[in-house]
Amino acid sequence: MMKQNIIFGIDVSSKSSTVCVVIDRIKQGETFKITNDSFGYQDLLDRLNQYLITPLVVFEATGVYSLSLQAFLEDYHIKYLKLNPLKAKKLMDNNLRHNKTDKVDAYRLALIQFNAPQKLRAPQPKEYHELQNASRYYEELTQALIINKNQLHRNLQSTFPQIESILSTSSGRVYWTIVSLFPHAQYVLNHNENQVFQSLLAISGIGRQRAHYLTTRLYALARQAYPYDNESSITIRAIQRNIANLLSLSAERDNVINYMEKLAMQANARSLNIYESIPGIAKTTAVRLVAELGDLSRFDTSAQIDAFVGIDPGRYQSGEKDSHLGIT
């Protein structure tokens, strides 16, 4: 017997949400709409307070659109069940009579909790949400880095493509700083060796011996080059803008990871230490695992983690065979 028999099913959209009240599987009156703002949530609160037994709210996680509703429910200590959209569809398919083409609406969301009751869990600490925000920001910075790296590569092809082989990797602060000083082959040839040497020696991380080697290497590469654009081309400005962006983005990524590490230590230091103890997992991956997977204690089985992540291992069964297939 369910303790909670009053369900508010809420179908969340971008600007408004549709609400359906269901008591003991019976729909109560017509569905109604609320706006996804303080006025709409006050209306929802008034309707929730009409009942002696505090209703349970069931809704789908619809990305950023359901966050304000979740914040409201947590602020007013209203119990809620947030369903992954794929899981909601699967629960509806398995437990409700309906056409396969029917969408999961507010009424069907409420019925799910009657026909296939889901375990309610306490909301995760706010640190986990902030960690996830930071992880998504880190991903945005990474994508911006990739774009600028590709732009830098394209721009160098017409001014000094050979410089990409100056170091073992054409990435990182030292490489970008060298390119910002010598974005065109003629920039090397216009200076004497001592000037080039002193410029390289001023870069943090380059000692005298390495500066001598890089000076010789730069001259060899510059003499080999045959640029299409001249040294006064606008392409030089584009290259230096790419490098300024790369240095800034790279520094910001480091700041974000340090921020995430502090949050992860506050939220769950033990999980962070366990992740980092796994061979091949360093700080960056560990803090992002904490951010994306959240509090693992809210999962009872590894299959639930698979469902949360969104992977579904295939399985083939017959009278004589039972085998696991690749992820579907």
C-alpha atoms as a PDB file:
ATOM      1  CA  MET A   1       0.000   0.000   0.000  1.00  0.00           C
ATOM      2  CA  MET A   2       1.484   3.331  -1.009  1.00  0.00           C
ATOM      3  CA  LYS A   3       1.899   5.861   1.748  1.00  0.00           C
ATOM      4  CA  GLN A   4       1.663   8.671  -0.768  1.00  0.00           C
ATOM      5  CA  ASN A   5      -1.559   8.513  -2.774  1.00  0.00           C
ATOM      6  CA  ILE A   6      -1.777  12.102  -4.051  1.00  0.00           C
ATOM      7  CA  ILE A   7       0.450  12.724  -7.042  1.00  0.00           C
ATOM      8  CA  PHE A   8       1.050  15.959  -8.937  1.00  0.00           C
ATOM      9  CA  GLY A   9       2.361  14.996 -12.361  1.00  0.00           C
ATOM     10  CA  ILE A  10       4.132  17.921 -14.019  1.00  0.00           C
ATOM     11  CA  ASP A  11       5.073  18.044 -17.698  1.00  0.00           C
ATOM     12  CA  VAL A  12       7.799  20.709 -17.877  1.00  0.00           C
ATOM     13  CA  SER A  13       8.308  22.850 -20.988  1.00  0.00           C
ATOM     14  CA  SER A  14      10.603  25.804 -21.592  1.00  0.00           C
ATOM     15  CA  LYS A  15       8.350  28.611 -20.290  1.00  0.00           C
ATOM     16  CA  SER A  16       5.393  26.845 -18.693  1.00  0.00           C
ATOM     17  CA  SER A  17       4.423  23.486 -17.239  1.00  0.00           C
ATOM     18  CA  THR A  18       1.263  21.375 -17.350  1.00  0.00           C
ATOM     19  CA  VAL A  19       0.085  19.940 -14.031  1.00  0.00           C
ATOM     20  CA  CYS A  20      -2.248  16.994 -13.479  1.00  0.00           C
ATOM     21  CA  VAL A  21      -3.499  15.952 -10.019  1.00  0.00           C
ATOM     22  CA  VAL A  22      -4.112  12.224  -9.545  1.00  0.00           C
ATOM     23  CA  ILE A  23      -5.522  10.648  -6.371  1.00  0.00           C
ATOM     24  CA  ASP A  24      -5.553   6.848  -6.133  1.00  0.00           C
ATOM     25  CA  ARG A  25      -5.073   6.616  -9.926  1.00  0.00           C
ATOM     26  CA  ILE A  26      -8.076   8.877 -10.586  1.00  0.00           C
ATOM     27  CA  LYS A  27      -7.507  12.159 -12.384  1.00  0.00           C
ATOM     28  CA  GLN A  28      -8.857  15.123 -10.423  1.00  0.00           C
ATOM     29  CA  GLY A  29     -10.508  17.721 -12.661  1.00  0.00           C
ATOM     30  CA  GLU A  30      -8.742  19.294 -15.620  1.00  0.00           C
ATOM     31  CA  THR A  31      -5.031  19.750 -16.012  1.00  0.00           C
ATOM     32  CA  PHE A  32      -3.819  23.278 -15.497  1.00  0.00           C
ATOM     33  CA  LYS A  33      -0.784  25.285 -16.517  1.00  0.00           C
ATOM     34  CA  ILE A  34       1.703  27.242 -14.468  1.00  0.00           C
ATOM     35  CA  THR A  35       4.478  29.537 -15.614  1.00  0.00           C
ATOM     36  CA  ASN A  36       8.016  28.478 -14.762  1.00  0.00           C
ATOM     37  CA  ASP A  37       8.647  31.419 -12.463  1.00  0.00           C
ATOM     38  CA  SER A  38       7.945  32.619  -8.916  1.00  0.00           C
ATOM     39  CA  PHE A  39       4.301  33.456  -9.747  1.00  0.00           C
ATOM     40  CA  GLY A  40       3.619  30.066 -11.275  1.00  0.00           C
ATOM     41  CA  TYR A  41       5.303  28.244  -8.397  1.00  0.00           C
ATOM     42  CA  GLN A  42       3.276  30.215  -5.861  1.00  0.00           C
ATOM     43  CA  ASP A  43       0.128  29.007  -7.654  1.00  0.00           C
ATOM     44  CA  LEU A  44       1.485  25.453  -7.479  1.00  0.00           C
ATOM     45  CA  LEU A  45       2.253  25.840  -3.767  1.00  0.00           C
ATOM     46  CA  ASP A  46      -1.290  27.059  -3.060  1.00  0.00           C
ATOM     47  CA  ARG A  47      -2.712  23.997  -4.810  1.00  0.00           C
ATOM     48  CA  LEU A  48      -0.329  21.635  -2.994  1.00  0.00           C
ATOM     49  CA  ASN A  49      -1.345  23.150   0.357  1.00  0.00           C
ATOM     50  CA  GLN A  50      -5.028  22.338  -0.279  1.00  0.00           C
ATOM     51  CA  TYR A  51      -4.377  18.742   0.804  1.00  0.00           C
ATOM     52  CA  LEU A  52      -3.883  17.477   4.350  1.00  0.00           C
ATOM     53  CA  ILE A  53      -1.378  14.935   3.065  1.00  0.00           C
ATOM     54  CA  THR A  54       1.473  16.617   1.243  1.00  0.00           C
ATOM     55  CA  PRO A  55       1.323  15.456  -2.381  1.00  0.00           C
ATOM     56  CA  LEU A  56       4.293  13.978  -4.210  1.00  0.00           C
ATOM     57  CA  VAL A  57       5.454  15.820  -7.323  1.00  0.00           C
ATOM     58  CA  VAL A  58       6.619  13.757 -10.309  1.00  0.00           C
ATOM     59  CA  PHE A  59       8.349  15.334 -13.294  1.00  0.00           C
ATOM     60  CA  GLU A  60      10.868  14.559 -16.010  1.00  0.00           C
ATOM     61  CA  ALA A  61      14.357  16.019 -15.976  1.00  0.00           C
ATOM     62  CA  THR A  62      14.182  18.312 -19.000  1.00  0.00           C
ATOM     63  CA  GLY A  63      17.672  19.777 -18.920  1.00  0.00           C
ATOM     64  CA  VAL A  64      17.863  23.404 -17.818  1.00  0.00           C
ATOM     65  CA  TYR A  65      14.083  23.917 -18.007  1.00  0.00           C
ATOM     66  CA  SER A  66      13.265  21.764 -14.955  1.00  0.00           C
ATOM     67  CA  LEU A  67      15.972  23.276 -12.710  1.00  0.00           C
ATOM     68  CA  SER A  68      13.899  26.171 -11.399  1.00  0.00           C
ATOM     69  CA  LEU A  69      11.044  23.793 -10.505  1.00  0.00           C
ATOM     70  CA  GLN A  70      13.494  21.546  -8.684  1.00  0.00           C
ATOM     71  CA  ALA A  71      14.914  24.544  -6.789  1.00  0.00           C
ATOM     72  CA  PHE A  72      11.397  25.581  -5.724  1.00  0.00           C
ATOM     73  CA  LEU A  73      10.518  22.081  -4.493  1.00  0.00           C
ATOM     74  CA  GLU A  74      13.744  21.792  -2.511  1.00  0.00           C
ATOM     75  CA  ASP A  75      13.362  25.270  -0.981  1.00  0.00           C
ATOM     76  CA  TYR A  76       9.871  24.378   0.290  1.00  0.00           C
ATOM     77  CA  HIS A  77      10.849  20.819   1.291  1.00  0.00           C
ATOM     78  CA  ILE A  78       8.302  19.253  -1.046  1.00  0.00           C
ATOM     79  CA  LYS A  79       9.006  15.622  -1.884  1.00  0.00           C
ATOM     80  CA  TYR A  80       9.560  15.000  -5.575  1.00  0.00           C
ATOM     81  CA  LEU A  81      10.528  12.295  -8.026  1.00  0.00           C
ATOM     82  CA  LYS A  82      12.655  13.445 -10.949  1.00  0.00           C
ATOM     83  CA  LEU A  83      12.671  10.901 -13.764  1.00  0.00           C
ATOM     84  CA  ASN A  84      15.139  10.485 -16.577  1.00  0.00           C
ATOM     85  CA  PRO A  85      13.058  10.883 -19.796  1.00  0.00           C
ATOM     86  CA  LEU A  86      14.227   7.517 -21.146  1.00  0.00           C
ATOM     87  CA  LYS A  87      13.363   5.812 -17.879  1.00  0.00           C
ATOM     88  CA  ALA A  88       9.957   7.512 -17.766  1.00  0.00           C
ATOM     89  CA  LYS A  89       9.156   6.233 -21.266  1.00  0.00           C
ATOM     90  CA  LYS A  90      10.346   2.751 -20.369  1.00  0.00           C
ATOM     91  CA  LEU A  91       8.281   2.675 -17.177  1.00  0.00           C
ATOM     92  CA  MET A  92       5.228   3.833 -19.099  1.00  0.00           C
ATOM     93  CA  ASP A  93       5.779   1.194 -21.791  1.00  0.00           C
ATOM     94  CA  ASN A  94       6.112  -1.576 -19.190  1.00  0.00           C
ATOM     95  CA  ASN A  95       3.398  -0.596 -16.757  1.00  0.00           C
ATOM     96  CA  LEU A  96       0.690   1.411 -18.512  1.00  0.00           C
ATOM     97  CA  ARG A  97      -1.839   0.576 -21.194  1.00  0.00           C
ATOM     98  CA  HIS A  98      -1.336   3.061 -23.984  1.00  0.00           C
ATOM     99  CA  ASN A  99      -0.417   3.454 -27.605  1.00  0.00           C
ATOM    100  CA  LYS A 100       3.308   3.237 -28.228  1.00  0.00           C
ATOM    101  CA  THR A 101       3.194   6.652 -29.878  1.00  0.00           C
ATOM    102  CA  ASP A 102       1.696   8.341 -26.793  1.00  0.00           C
ATOM    103  CA  LYS A 103       4.040  10.823 -25.188  1.00  0.00           C
ATOM    104  CA  VAL A 104       4.761  10.894 -21.466  1.00  0.00           C
ATOM    105  CA  ASP A 105       2.475  13.703 -20.320  1.00  0.00           C
ATOM    106  CA  ALA A 106       1.588  15.012 -16.862  1.00  0.00           C
ATOM    107  CA  TYR A 107      -1.158  12.427 -16.288  1.00  0.00           C
ATOM    108  CA  ARG A 108       0.986   9.465 -17.325  1.00  0.00           C
ATOM    109  CA  LEU A 109       3.882  10.734 -15.217  1.00  0.00           C
ATOM    110  CA  ALA A 110       1.614  10.650 -12.168  1.00  0.00           C
ATOM    111  CA  LEU A 111       0.337   7.144 -13.026  1.00  0.00           C
ATOM    112  CA  ILE A 112       3.898   5.817 -13.228  1.00  0.00           C
ATOM    113  CA  GLN A 113       4.353   6.285  -9.489  1.00  0.00           C
ATOM    114  CA  PHE A 114       1.128   4.362  -8.796  1.00  0.00           C
ATOM    115  CA  ASN A 115       1.872   1.454 -11.136  1.00  0.00           C
ATOM    116  CA  ALA A 116       5.663   1.261 -10.732  1.00  0.00           C
ATOM    117  CA  PRO A 117       6.557   3.080  -7.504  1.00  0.00           C
ATOM    118  CA  GLN A 118      10.055   4.527  -7.609  1.00  0.00           C
ATOM    119  CA  LYS A 119      12.251   4.916  -4.570  1.00  0.00           C
ATOM    120  CA  LEU A 120      12.417   8.485  -3.339  1.00  0.00           C
ATOM    121  CA  ARG A 121      15.821   9.859  -2.424  1.00  0.00           C
ATOM    122  CA  ALA A 122      16.953  12.955  -0.642  1.00  0.00           C
ATOM    123  CA  PRO A 123      18.203  15.708  -2.970  1.00  0.00           C
ATOM    124  CA  GLN A 124      21.939  15.782  -3.564  1.00  0.00           C
ATOM    125  CA  PRO A 125      23.909  18.534  -1.800  1.00  0.00           C
ATOM    126  CA  LYS A 126      24.125  21.762  -3.805  1.00  0.00           C
ATOM    127  CA  GLU A 127      27.867  21.194  -4.301  1.00  0.00           C
ATOM    128  CA  TYR A 128      27.079  18.453  -6.814  1.00  0.00           C
ATOM    129  CA  HIS A 129      25.023  20.794  -8.974  1.00  0.00           C
ATOM    130  CA  GLU A 130      27.772  23.398  -8.860  1.00  0.00           C
ATOM    131  CA  LEU A 131      30.279  20.684  -9.773  1.00  0.00           C
ATOM    132  CA  GLN A 132      28.177  19.733 -12.770  1.00  0.00           C
ATOM    133  CA  ASN A 133      27.962  23.384 -13.831  1.00  0.00           C
ATOM    134  CA  ALA A 134      31.749  23.614 -13.586  1.00  0.00           C
ATOM    135  CA  SER A 135      32.175  20.390 -15.561  1.00  0.00           C
ATOM    136  CA  ARG A 136      29.978  21.689 -18.380  1.00  0.00           C
ATOM    137  CA  TYR A 137      31.901  24.982 -18.352  1.00  0.00           C
ATOM    138  CA  TYR A 138      35.152  23.015 -18.565  1.00  0.00           C
ATOM    139  CA  GLU A 139      33.747  21.209 -21.612  1.00  0.00           C
ATOM    140  CA  GLU A 140      32.854  24.535 -23.254  1.00  0.00           C
ATOM    141  CA  LEU A 141      36.403  25.778 -22.662  1.00  0.00           C
ATOM    142  CA  THR A 142      37.775  22.556 -24.143  1.00  0.00           C
ATOM    143  CA  GLN A 143      35.688  22.957 -27.294  1.00  0.00           C
ATOM    144  CA  ALA A 144      36.825  26.579 -27.623  1.00  0.00           C
ATOM    145  CA  LEU A 145      40.437  25.414 -27.266  1.00  0.00           C
ATOM    146  CA  ILE A 146      39.979  22.906 -30.074  1.00  0.00           C
ATOM    147  CA  ILE A 147      38.476  25.575 -32.348  1.00  0.00           C
ATOM    148  CA  ASN A 148      41.354  27.986 -31.711  1.00  0.00           C
ATOM    149  CA  LYS A 149      43.962  25.250 -32.174  1.00  0.00           C
ATOM    150  CA  ASN A 150      42.467  24.403 -35.558  1.00  0.00           C
ATOM    151  CA  GLN A 151      42.347  28.078 -36.537  1.00  0.00           C
ATOM    152  CA  LEU A 152      45.977  28.543 -35.485  1.00  0.00           C
ATOM    153  CA  HIS A 153      47.033  25.551 -37.571  1.00  0.00           C
ATOM    154  CA  ARG A 154      45.211  26.888 -40.651  1.00  0.00           C
ATOM    155  CA  ASN A 155      46.629  30.388 -40.247  1.00  0.00           C
ATOM    156  CA  LEU A 156      50.207  29.163 -39.843  1.00  0.00           C
ATOM    157  CA  GLN A 157      50.040  27.313 -43.153  1.00  0.00           C
ATOM    158  CA  SER A 158      50.406  30.608 -45.034  1.00  0.00           C
ATOM    159  CA  THR A 159      53.037  32.239 -42.788  1.00  0.00           C
ATOM    160  CA  PHE A 160      55.278  29.660 -41.115  1.00  0.00           C
ATOM    161  CA  PRO A 161      53.986  26.038 -41.177  1.00  0.00           C
ATOM    162  CA  GLN A 162      57.418  24.637 -40.311  1.00  0.00           C
ATOM    163  CA  ILE A 163      57.291  26.135 -36.809  1.00  0.00           C
ATOM    164  CA  GLU A 164      54.736  23.473 -35.846  1.00  0.00           C
ATOM    165  CA  SER A 165      57.663  21.035 -35.569  1.00  0.00           C
ATOM    166  CA  ILE A 166      59.763  23.272 -33.267  1.00  0.00           C
ATOM    167  CA  LEU A 167      58.717  21.197 -30.230  1.00  0.00           C
ATOM    168  CA  SER A 168      57.609  17.590 -29.839  1.00  0.00           C
ATOM    169  CA  THR A 169      54.015  18.793 -29.502  1.00  0.00           C
ATOM    170  CA  SER A 170      52.382  21.731 -31.258  1.00  0.00           C
ATOM    171  CA  SER A 171      50.402  22.695 -28.163  1.00  0.00           C
ATOM    172  CA  GLY A 172      50.928  24.108 -24.701  1.00  0.00           C
ATOM    173  CA  ARG A 173      52.076  27.397 -23.196  1.00  0.00           C
ATOM    174  CA  VAL A 174      55.747  27.233 -24.317  1.00  0.00           C
ATOM    175  CA  TYR A 175      54.872  26.382 -27.918  1.00  0.00           C
ATOM    176  CA  TRP A 176      52.193  29.057 -28.150  1.00  0.00           C
ATOM    177  CA  THR A 177      54.534  31.676 -26.695  1.00  0.00           C
ATOM    178  CA  ILE A 178      57.232  30.838 -29.254  1.00  0.00           C
ATOM    179  CA  VAL A 179      54.718  31.127 -32.094  1.00  0.00           C
ATOM    180  CA  SER A 180      53.414  34.452 -30.763  1.00  0.00           C
ATOM    181  CA  LEU A 181      57.005  35.796 -30.945  1.00  0.00           C
ATOM    182  CA  PHE A 182      57.678  34.345 -34.400  1.00  0.00           C
ATOM    183  CA  PRO A 183      54.335  33.979 -36.242  1.00  0.00           C
ATOM    184  CA  HIS A 184      56.071  34.434 -39.603  1.00  0.00           C
ATOM    185  CA  ALA A 185      59.353  32.967 -40.880  1.00  0.00           C
ATOM    186  CA  GLN A 186      60.604  36.462 -41.661  1.00  0.00           C
ATOM    187  CA  TYR A 187      60.290  37.406 -37.973  1.00  0.00           C
ATOM    188  CA  VAL A 188      63.175  34.987 -37.316  1.00  0.00           C
ATOM    189  CA  LEU A 189      65.295  36.067 -40.284  1.00  0.00           C
ATOM    190  CA  ASN A 190      64.890  39.773 -39.437  1.00  0.00           C
ATOM    191  CA  HIS A 191      66.724  39.279 -36.114  1.00  0.00           C
ATOM    192  CA  ASN A 192      70.231  38.158 -35.297  1.00  0.00           C
ATOM    193  CA  GLU A 193      70.816  34.941 -33.379  1.00  0.00           C
ATOM    194  CA  ASN A 194      71.467  36.666 -30.060  1.00  0.00           C
ATOM    195  CA  GLN A 195      68.133  38.528 -30.269  1.00  0.00           C
ATOM    196  CA  VAL A 196      66.265  35.303 -31.010  1.00  0.00           C
ATOM    197  CA  PHE A 197      68.179  33.526 -28.226  1.00  0.00           C
ATOM    198  CA  GLN A 198      67.332  36.219 -25.667  1.00  0.00           C
ATOM    199  CA  SER A 199      63.643  36.139 -26.686  1.00  0.00           C
ATOM    200  CA  LEU A 200      63.513  32.380 -26.136  1.00  0.00           C
ATOM    201  CA  LEU A 201      65.459  32.538 -22.887  1.00  0.00           C
ATOM    202  CA  ALA A 202      62.864  34.964 -21.492  1.00  0.00           C
ATOM    203  CA  ILE A 203      60.151  32.288 -21.816  1.00  0.00           C
ATOM    204  CA  SER A 204      59.467  30.557 -18.497  1.00  0.00           C
ATOM    205  CA  GLY A 205      60.501  26.905 -18.726  1.00  0.00           C
ATOM    206  CA  ILE A 206      63.303  27.378 -21.282  1.00  0.00           C
ATOM    207  CA  GLY A 207      66.891  27.250 -19.998  1.00  0.00           C
ATOM    208  CA  ARG A 208      70.073  28.413 -21.734  1.00  0.00           C
ATOM    209  CA  GLN A 209      70.935  25.076 -23.335  1.00  0.00           C
ATOM    210  CA  ARG A 210      67.448  24.605 -24.678  1.00  0.00           C
ATOM    211  CA  ALA A 211      67.305  28.221 -25.876  1.00  0.00           C
ATOM    212  CA  HIS A 212      70.508  27.680 -27.898  1.00  0.00           C
ATOM    213  CA  TYR A 213      69.076  24.529 -29.463  1.00  0.00           C
ATOM    214  CA  LEU A 214      65.734  26.204 -30.287  1.00  0.00           C
ATOM    215  CA  THR A 215      67.512  29.221 -31.817  1.00  0.00           C
ATOM    216  CA  THR A 216      69.422  26.994 -34.235  1.00  0.00           C
ATOM    217  CA  ARG A 217      66.256  25.032 -34.974  1.00  0.00           C
ATOM    218  CA  LEU A 218      64.203  28.189 -35.617  1.00  0.00           C
ATOM    219  CA  TYR A 219      66.701  29.523 -38.152  1.00  0.00           C
ATOM    220  CA  ALA A 220      66.754  26.200 -39.992  1.00  0.00           C
ATOM    221  CA  LEU A 221      62.954  26.110 -40.161  1.00  0.00           C
ATOM    222  CA  ALA A 222      62.689  29.787 -41.186  1.00  0.00           C
ATOM    223  CA  ARG A 223      65.141  29.295 -44.067  1.00  0.00           C
ATOM    224  CA  GLN A 224      63.156  26.254 -45.180  1.00  0.00           C
ATOM    225  CA  ALA A 225      59.834  28.139 -45.206  1.00  0.00           C
ATOM    226  CA  TYR A 226      58.294  29.723 -48.307  1.00  0.00           C
ATOM    227  CA  PRO A 227      55.321  31.736 -46.968  1.00  0.00           C
ATOM    228  CA  TYR A 228      52.343  32.763 -49.066  1.00  0.00           C
ATOM    229  CA  ASP A 229      51.399  35.754 -46.867  1.00  0.00           C
ATOM    230  CA  ASN A 230      53.985  38.427 -46.093  1.00  0.00           C
ATOM    231  CA  GLU A 231      55.001  39.495 -42.593  1.00  0.00           C
ATOM    232  CA  SER A 232      52.574  42.473 -42.569  1.00  0.00           C
ATOM    233  CA  SER A 233      49.532  40.345 -43.463  1.00  0.00           C
ATOM    234  CA  ILE A 234      46.386  40.476 -41.327  1.00  0.00           C
ATOM    235  CA  THR A 235      46.971  36.748 -40.818  1.00  0.00           C
ATOM    236  CA  ILE A 236      49.664  37.647 -38.269  1.00  0.00           C
ATOM    237  CA  ARG A 237      47.049  39.418 -36.155  1.00  0.00           C
ATOM    238  CA  ALA A 238      44.769  36.401 -36.479  1.00  0.00           C
ATOM    239  CA  ILE A 239      47.567  34.106 -35.282  1.00  0.00           C
ATOM    240  CA  GLN A 240      48.343  36.282 -32.286  1.00  0.00           C
ATOM    241  CA  ARG A 241      44.641  36.490 -31.424  1.00  0.00           C
ATOM    242  CA  ASN A 242      44.419  32.689 -31.603  1.00  0.00           C
ATOM    243  CA  ILE A 243      47.366  32.393 -29.236  1.00  0.00           C
ATOM    244  CA  ALA A 244      45.985  34.962 -26.783  1.00  0.00           C
ATOM    245  CA  ASN A 245      42.734  32.974 -26.734  1.00  0.00           C
ATOM    246  CA  LEU A 246      44.568  29.671 -26.244  1.00  0.00           C
ATOM    247  CA  LEU A 247      46.633  30.959 -23.326  1.00  0.00           C
ATOM    248  CA  SER A 248      43.557  32.464 -21.685  1.00  0.00           C
ATOM    249  CA  LEU A 249      41.398  29.377 -22.232  1.00  0.00           C
ATOM    250  CA  SER A 250      44.105  27.041 -20.980  1.00  0.00           C
ATOM    251  CA  ALA A 251      44.611  29.082 -17.807  1.00  0.00           C
ATOM    252  CA  GLU A 252      40.857  29.213 -17.199  1.00  0.00           C
ATOM    253  CA  ARG A 253      40.585  25.428 -17.586  1.00  0.00           C
ATOM    254  CA  ASP A 254      43.251  25.013 -14.902  1.00  0.00           C
ATOM    255  CA  ASN A 255      41.317  27.400 -12.626  1.00  0.00           C
ATOM    256  CA  VAL A 256      38.098  25.452 -13.179  1.00  0.00           C
ATOM    257  CA  ILE A 257      39.730  22.116 -12.330  1.00  0.00           C
ATOM    258  CA  ASN A 258      41.189  23.567  -9.112  1.00  0.00           C
ATOM    259  CA  TYR A 259      37.748  24.966  -8.221  1.00  0.00           C
ATOM    260  CA  MET A 260      36.150  21.587  -8.926  1.00  0.00           C
ATOM    261  CA  GLU A 261      38.723  19.816  -6.761  1.00  0.00           C
ATOM    262  CA  LYS A 262      37.838  22.022  -3.784  1.00  0.00           C
ATOM    263  CA  LEU A 263      34.109  21.410  -4.312  1.00  0.00           C
ATOM    264  CA  ALA A 264      34.635  17.658  -4.721  1.00  0.00           C
ATOM    265  CA  MET A 265      36.594  17.544  -1.472  1.00  0.00           C
ATOM    266  CA  GLN A 266      33.683  19.271   0.271  1.00  0.00           C
ATOM    267  CA  ALA A 267      31.022  17.075  -1.343  1.00  0.00           C
ATOM    268  CA  ASN A 268      32.700  13.676  -1.193  1.00  0.00           C
ATOM    269  CA  ALA A 269      36.436  13.507  -0.526  1.00  0.00           C
ATOM    270  CA  ARG A 270      36.306   9.707  -0.251  1.00  0.00           C
ATOM    271  CA  SER A 271      34.902   9.245  -3.774  1.00  0.00           C
ATOM    272  CA  LEU A 272      37.511  11.607  -5.180  1.00  0.00           C
ATOM    273  CA  ASN A 273      40.323   9.648  -3.519  1.00  0.00           C
ATOM    274  CA  ILE A 274      38.912   6.338  -4.779  1.00  0.00           C
ATOM    275  CA  TYR A 275      38.660   7.613  -8.367  1.00  0.00           C
ATOM    276  CA  GLU A 276      42.230   8.933  -8.242  1.00  0.00           C
ATOM    277  CA  SER A 277      43.483   5.573  -6.943  1.00  0.00           C
ATOM    278  CA  ILE A 278      42.365   3.886 -10.187  1.00  0.00           C
ATOM    279  CA  PRO A 279      45.273   3.503 -12.669  1.00  0.00           C
ATOM    280  CA  GLY A 280      44.885   5.931 -15.566  1.00  0.00           C
ATOM    281  CA  ILE A 281      42.606   8.349 -13.715  1.00  0.00           C
ATOM    282  CA  ALA A 282      44.236  11.638 -12.674  1.00  0.00           C
ATOM    283  CA  LYS A 283      42.797  14.736 -10.994  1.00  0.00           C
ATOM    284  CA  THR A 284      40.984  16.158 -14.012  1.00  0.00           C
ATOM    285  CA  THR A 285      39.112  12.929 -14.812  1.00  0.00           C
ATOM    286  CA  ALA A 286      38.445  12.199 -11.143  1.00  0.00           C
ATOM    287  CA  VAL A 287      36.784  15.555 -10.384  1.00  0.00           C
ATOM    288  CA  ARG A 288      34.710  15.323 -13.555  1.00  0.00           C
ATOM    289  CA  LEU A 289      33.530  11.830 -12.571  1.00  0.00           C
ATOM    290  CA  VAL A 290      32.407  13.199  -9.206  1.00  0.00           C
ATOM    291  CA  ALA A 291      30.691  16.063 -11.039  1.00  0.00           C
ATOM    292  CA  GLU A 292      28.858  13.964 -13.638  1.00  0.00           C
ATOM    293  CA  LEU A 293      28.004  10.862 -11.585  1.00  0.00           C
ATOM    294  CA  GLY A 294      27.222  12.739  -8.384  1.00  0.00           C
ATOM    295  CA  ASP A 295      26.648  10.913  -5.109  1.00  0.00           C
ATOM    296  CA  LEU A 296      26.964   7.213  -5.935  1.00  0.00           C
ATOM    297  CA  SER A 297      25.200   6.254  -2.708  1.00  0.00           C
ATOM    298  CA  ARG A 298      21.893   7.129  -4.386  1.00  0.00           C
ATOM    299  CA  PHE A 299      22.326   4.087  -6.678  1.00  0.00           C
ATOM    300  CA  ASP A 300      21.616   0.570  -5.413  1.00  0.00           C
ATOM    301  CA  THR A 301      23.173  -1.321  -8.350  1.00  0.00           C
ATOM    302  CA  SER A 302      25.654  -0.787 -11.156  1.00  0.00           C
ATOM    303  CA  ALA A 303      22.754  -1.209 -13.609  1.00  0.00           C
ATOM    304  CA  GLN A 304      21.176   1.927 -12.149  1.00  0.00           C
ATOM    305  CA  ILE A 305      24.396   3.833 -12.874  1.00  0.00           C
ATOM    306  CA  ASP A 306      24.268   2.525 -16.471  1.00  0.00           C
ATOM    307  CA  ALA A 307      20.690   3.787 -16.760  1.00  0.00           C
ATOM    308  CA  PHE A 308      21.643   7.175 -15.305  1.00  0.00           C
ATOM    309  CA  VAL A 309      24.554   7.556 -17.708  1.00  0.00           C
ATOM    310  CA  GLY A 310      22.333   6.465 -20.600  1.00  0.00           C
ATOM    311  CA  ILE A 311      24.105   3.306 -21.725  1.00  0.00           C
ATOM    312  CA  ASP A 312      22.214   0.075 -22.166  1.00  0.00           C
ATOM    313  CA  PRO A 313      24.220  -3.127 -22.731  1.00  0.00           C
ATOM    314  CA  GLY A 314      22.478  -5.356 -25.249  1.00  0.00           C
ATOM    315  CA  ARG A 315      21.673  -8.971 -24.477  1.00  0.00           C
ATOM    316  CA  TYR A 316      20.830 -11.961 -26.667  1.00  0.00           C
ATOM    317  CA  GLN A 317      18.872 -14.829 -25.159  1.00  0.00           C
ATOM    318  CA  SER A 318      17.626 -18.038 -26.706  1.00  0.00           C
ATOM    319  CA  GLY A 319      16.874 -21.518 -25.461  1.00  0.00           C
ATOM    320  CA  GLU A 320      20.535 -22.486 -25.560  1.00  0.00           C
ATOM    321  CA  LYS A 321      22.392 -19.193 -25.433  1.00  0.00           C
ATOM    322  CA  ASP A 322      22.612 -16.141 -23.196  1.00  0.00           C
ATOM    323  CA  SER A 323      25.212 -13.611 -24.306  1.00  0.00           C
ATOM    324  CA  HIS A 324      25.973  -9.952 -23.657  1.00  0.00           C
ATOM    325  CA  LEU A 325      26.248  -7.685 -26.678  1.00  0.00           C
ATOM    326  CA  GLY A 326      27.707  -4.228 -27.171  1.00  0.00           C
ATOM    327  CA  ILE A 327      26.077  -1.065 -25.859  1.00  0.00           C
ATOM    328  CA  THR A 328      22.874  -0.279 -27.776  1.00  0.00           C
END
